[in-house]
Protein backbone atom coordinates (compact mmCIF):
# COMPACT_ATOMS: atom_id res chain seq x y z
CA MET A 1 0.00 0.00 0.00
CA ILE A 2 1.36 3.42 -0.98
CA ASN A 3 1.47 6.00 1.81
CA PHE A 4 0.42 9.44 0.56
CA SER A 5 0.43 11.12 3.98
CA HIS A 6 3.71 12.97 3.38
CA VAL A 7 2.67 14.44 0.03
CA LYS A 8 -0.94 15.41 0.73
CA TYR A 9 -0.32 19.10 1.42
CA GLY A 10 1.85 19.59 -1.64
CA VAL A 11 -0.73 17.80 -3.80
CA LEU A 12 -3.40 20.08 -2.37
CA VAL A 13 -1.39 23.18 -3.28
CA ALA A 14 -0.73 21.76 -6.75
CA ILE A 15 -4.45 21.18 -7.28
CA ILE A 16 -5.09 24.78 -6.20
CA ALA A 17 -2.54 25.87 -8.83
CA ILE A 18 -4.31 23.79 -11.48
CA LEU A 19 -7.70 25.21 -10.49
CA TYR A 20 -6.23 28.74 -10.45
CA GLY A 21 -4.92 28.25 -13.98
CA GLY A 22 -8.23 26.73 -15.05
CA LEU A 23 -10.15 29.64 -13.56
CA MET A 24 -7.95 32.02 -15.49
CA GLY A 25 -8.68 30.09 -18.69
CA LEU A 26 -12.41 30.19 -18.00
CA SER A 27 -12.20 33.92 -17.34
CA PHE A 28 -10.49 34.34 -20.70
CA GLY A 29 -13.40 32.56 -22.34
CA CYS A 30 -16.10 34.65 -20.75
CA CYS A 31 -14.38 37.94 -20.00
CA GLU A 32 -11.42 38.40 -22.34
CA GLU A 33 -12.59 41.80 -23.55
CA SER A 34 -13.24 42.98 -20.00
CA ILE A 35 -9.76 41.92 -18.90
CA LYS A 36 -8.18 43.63 -21.89
CA LYS A 37 -10.26 46.73 -21.20
CA THR A 38 -8.96 46.79 -17.61
CA LEU A 39 -5.37 46.49 -18.83
CA HIS A 40 -5.99 49.24 -21.39
CA GLY A 41 -7.60 51.44 -18.71
CA ASN A 42 -4.59 50.99 -16.44
CA ALA A 43 -2.34 52.21 -19.25
CA GLN A 44 -4.63 55.16 -20.05
CA GLU A 45 -4.48 56.37 -16.44
CA VAL A 46 -0.74 56.94 -16.76
CA ILE A 47 -0.35 57.54 -20.50
CA SER A 48 1.07 61.04 -20.11
CA VAL A 49 3.38 60.15 -17.21
CA LYS A 50 4.65 56.67 -18.16
CA TYR A 51 4.25 56.68 -21.95
CA ASN A 52 4.79 60.39 -22.76
CA GLY A 53 1.40 60.36 -24.47
CA ASP A 54 2.50 57.68 -26.96
CA GLN A 55 -0.51 55.43 -27.52
CA ALA A 56 1.53 52.94 -29.58
CA LYS A 57 3.86 52.34 -26.63
CA ALA A 58 0.90 51.85 -24.30
CA ASP A 59 -0.76 49.45 -26.73
CA LYS A 60 2.46 47.43 -26.98
CA ILE A 61 2.64 47.03 -23.19
CA VAL A 62 -1.06 46.11 -22.96
CA LYS A 63 -0.59 43.48 -25.67
CA LYS A 64 2.44 42.02 -23.87
CA SER A 65 0.48 42.07 -20.59
CA TRP A 66 -2.18 39.88 -22.16
CA VAL A 67 0.56 37.44 -23.17
CA TYR A 68 1.68 37.39 -19.52
CA MET A 69 -1.84 36.57 -18.40
CA LYS A 70 -1.87 33.59 -20.76
CA ARG A 71 1.52 32.51 -19.40
CA ALA A 72 0.07 32.58 -15.89
CA HIS A 73 -2.74 30.28 -16.99
CA LEU A 74 -0.44 27.82 -18.73
CA HIS A 75 2.34 27.76 -16.13
CA SER A 76 -0.04 27.23 -13.22
CA GLN A 77 -1.73 24.29 -14.84
CA THR A 78 1.34 22.63 -16.34
CA MET A 79 3.53 23.01 -13.28
CA GLY A 80 0.65 21.88 -11.06
CA VAL A 81 0.32 18.64 -13.00
CA ILE A 82 4.09 18.08 -12.87
CA SER A 83 4.00 18.72 -9.12
CA ILE A 84 1.37 16.03 -8.65
CA ALA A 85 3.43 13.64 -10.78
CA PHE A 86 6.52 14.39 -8.66
CA SER A 87 4.52 13.89 -5.47
CA PHE A 88 3.02 10.58 -6.52
CA LEU A 89 6.37 9.35 -7.83
CA VAL A 90 8.18 10.02 -4.56
CA ALA A 91 5.34 8.43 -2.56
CA TRP A 92 5.23 5.38 -4.85
CA LEU A 93 9.00 4.92 -4.66
CA ALA A 94 8.85 5.38 -0.86
CA TYR A 95 11.40 8.17 -0.70
CA PRO A 96 12.31 9.21 2.86
CA ALA A 97 9.40 11.07 4.51
CA LYS A 98 11.22 14.42 4.63
CA ALA A 99 12.15 14.15 0.95
CA GLN A 100 8.53 13.36 0.04
CA LEU A 101 7.31 16.37 1.99
CA ALA A 102 10.01 18.62 0.51
CA VAL A 103 9.39 17.55 -3.09
CA SER A 104 5.64 17.82 -2.76
CA LEU A 105 5.53 21.20 -1.01
CA LEU A 106 8.32 22.82 -3.00
CA SER A 107 6.85 21.78 -6.34
CA GLY A 108 3.28 22.66 -5.31
CA LEU A 109 4.22 26.09 -4.00
CA GLY A 110 6.45 26.63 -7.02
CA SER A 111 3.61 25.91 -9.43
CA LEU A 112 1.21 28.27 -7.66
CA GLY A 113 3.81 30.98 -7.15
CA TYR A 114 5.20 31.00 -10.67
CA GLY A 115 1.77 31.28 -12.26
CA SER A 116 0.95 34.09 -9.84
CA PHE A 117 4.15 35.90 -10.80
CA TRP A 118 3.06 36.04 -14.44
CA MET A 119 -0.46 37.18 -13.54
CA PHE A 120 0.81 39.97 -11.27
CA SER A 121 3.35 41.06 -13.89
CA GLY A 122 0.68 41.18 -16.57
CA TYR A 123 -1.71 43.14 -14.42
CA LEU A 124 0.88 45.65 -13.16
CA ALA A 125 2.74 46.35 -16.42
CA PRO A 126 0.27 48.77 -18.09
CA GLY A 127 0.13 50.99 -15.01
CA MET A 128 3.90 50.93 -14.61
CA GLY A 129 4.59 51.64 -18.27
CA SER A 130 6.91 48.67 -18.63
CA THR A 131 6.79 44.90 -18.53
CA GLY A 132 10.36 44.90 -17.25
CA ALA A 133 9.47 47.14 -14.31
CA ALA A 134 6.42 45.00 -13.54
CA LYS A 135 8.46 41.78 -13.57
CA GLU A 136 11.12 43.41 -11.43
CA SER A 137 8.57 44.58 -8.87
CA VAL A 138 7.35 41.02 -8.26
CA GLY A 139 10.54 39.24 -9.26
CA LEU A 140 11.06 37.75 -5.82
CA ILE A 141 7.92 35.65 -6.36
CA ALA A 142 9.41 34.24 -9.57
CA GLN A 143 12.79 33.62 -7.99
CA VAL A 144 11.47 31.84 -4.92
CA SER A 145 8.81 29.82 -6.74
CA GLY A 146 11.06 28.94 -9.67
CA ALA A 147 13.85 27.89 -7.31
CA SER A 148 11.39 25.84 -5.21
CA PHE A 149 10.11 24.01 -8.25
CA PHE A 150 13.63 23.43 -9.58
CA ILE A 151 14.93 22.14 -6.24
CA SER A 152 12.04 19.67 -6.07
CA GLY A 153 12.96 18.40 -9.52
CA VAL A 154 16.61 18.03 -8.52
CA LEU A 155 15.56 16.07 -5.42
CA VAL A 156 13.39 13.73 -7.48
CA PHE A 157 16.18 13.26 -10.01
CA GLY A 158 18.96 12.84 -7.46
CA ILE A 159 17.21 10.25 -5.33
CA LEU A 160 15.95 8.42 -8.41
CA ILE A 161 19.47 8.18 -9.85
CA TYR A 162 20.78 7.07 -6.45
CA ARG A 163 18.17 4.34 -6.20
CA MET A 164 18.54 3.18 -9.81
CA PHE A 165 22.32 3.13 -10.09
CA VAL A 166 24.09 3.42 -6.74
CA VAL A 167 21.92 1.24 -4.52
CA LYS A 168 21.60 -1.32 -7.29
CA GLN A 169 25.37 -1.56 -7.60
CA LEU A 170 25.80 -1.82 -3.82
CA ASN A 171 23.26 -4.67 -3.70
CA GLU A 172 24.97 -6.47 -6.60
CA GLU A 173 28.34 -6.31 -4.83
CA ASN A 174 26.93 -7.93 -1.66
């Protein structure tokens, strides 16, 4: 019997990330024009200050912001599914309890955080006059969540390689 008790919280966070990404996708289907209008309105509020009255520059940032919103949707869902796969893999292979917890939580939080980073960047950019400034303002979210997700992948990989090649060789020598 597989024990999922050490991965349950990470799986829960990963499912929240998947649902978050799905909710974004649904909102695109029903409210795309409203979302784009909000982004456009944010740019119009600061067009003279941030864009020097240049509508083309504002439109470019709004268009890129919409791309960021779509990235948020896709990253949340994709990374959430990978997080669940990592979690189930480490539970199935009976990794040490702390490793299971670490992999599950780090990958789950990474998937939710990284999708959120792109959503915040997309929403903030028109009002800041720059996608770079928007990403920089919430960059810590991307750094922490991206690093969390990456570390969980390294843990899965490292322990898997250890179990497949090192432990196998030690058992063969005995």
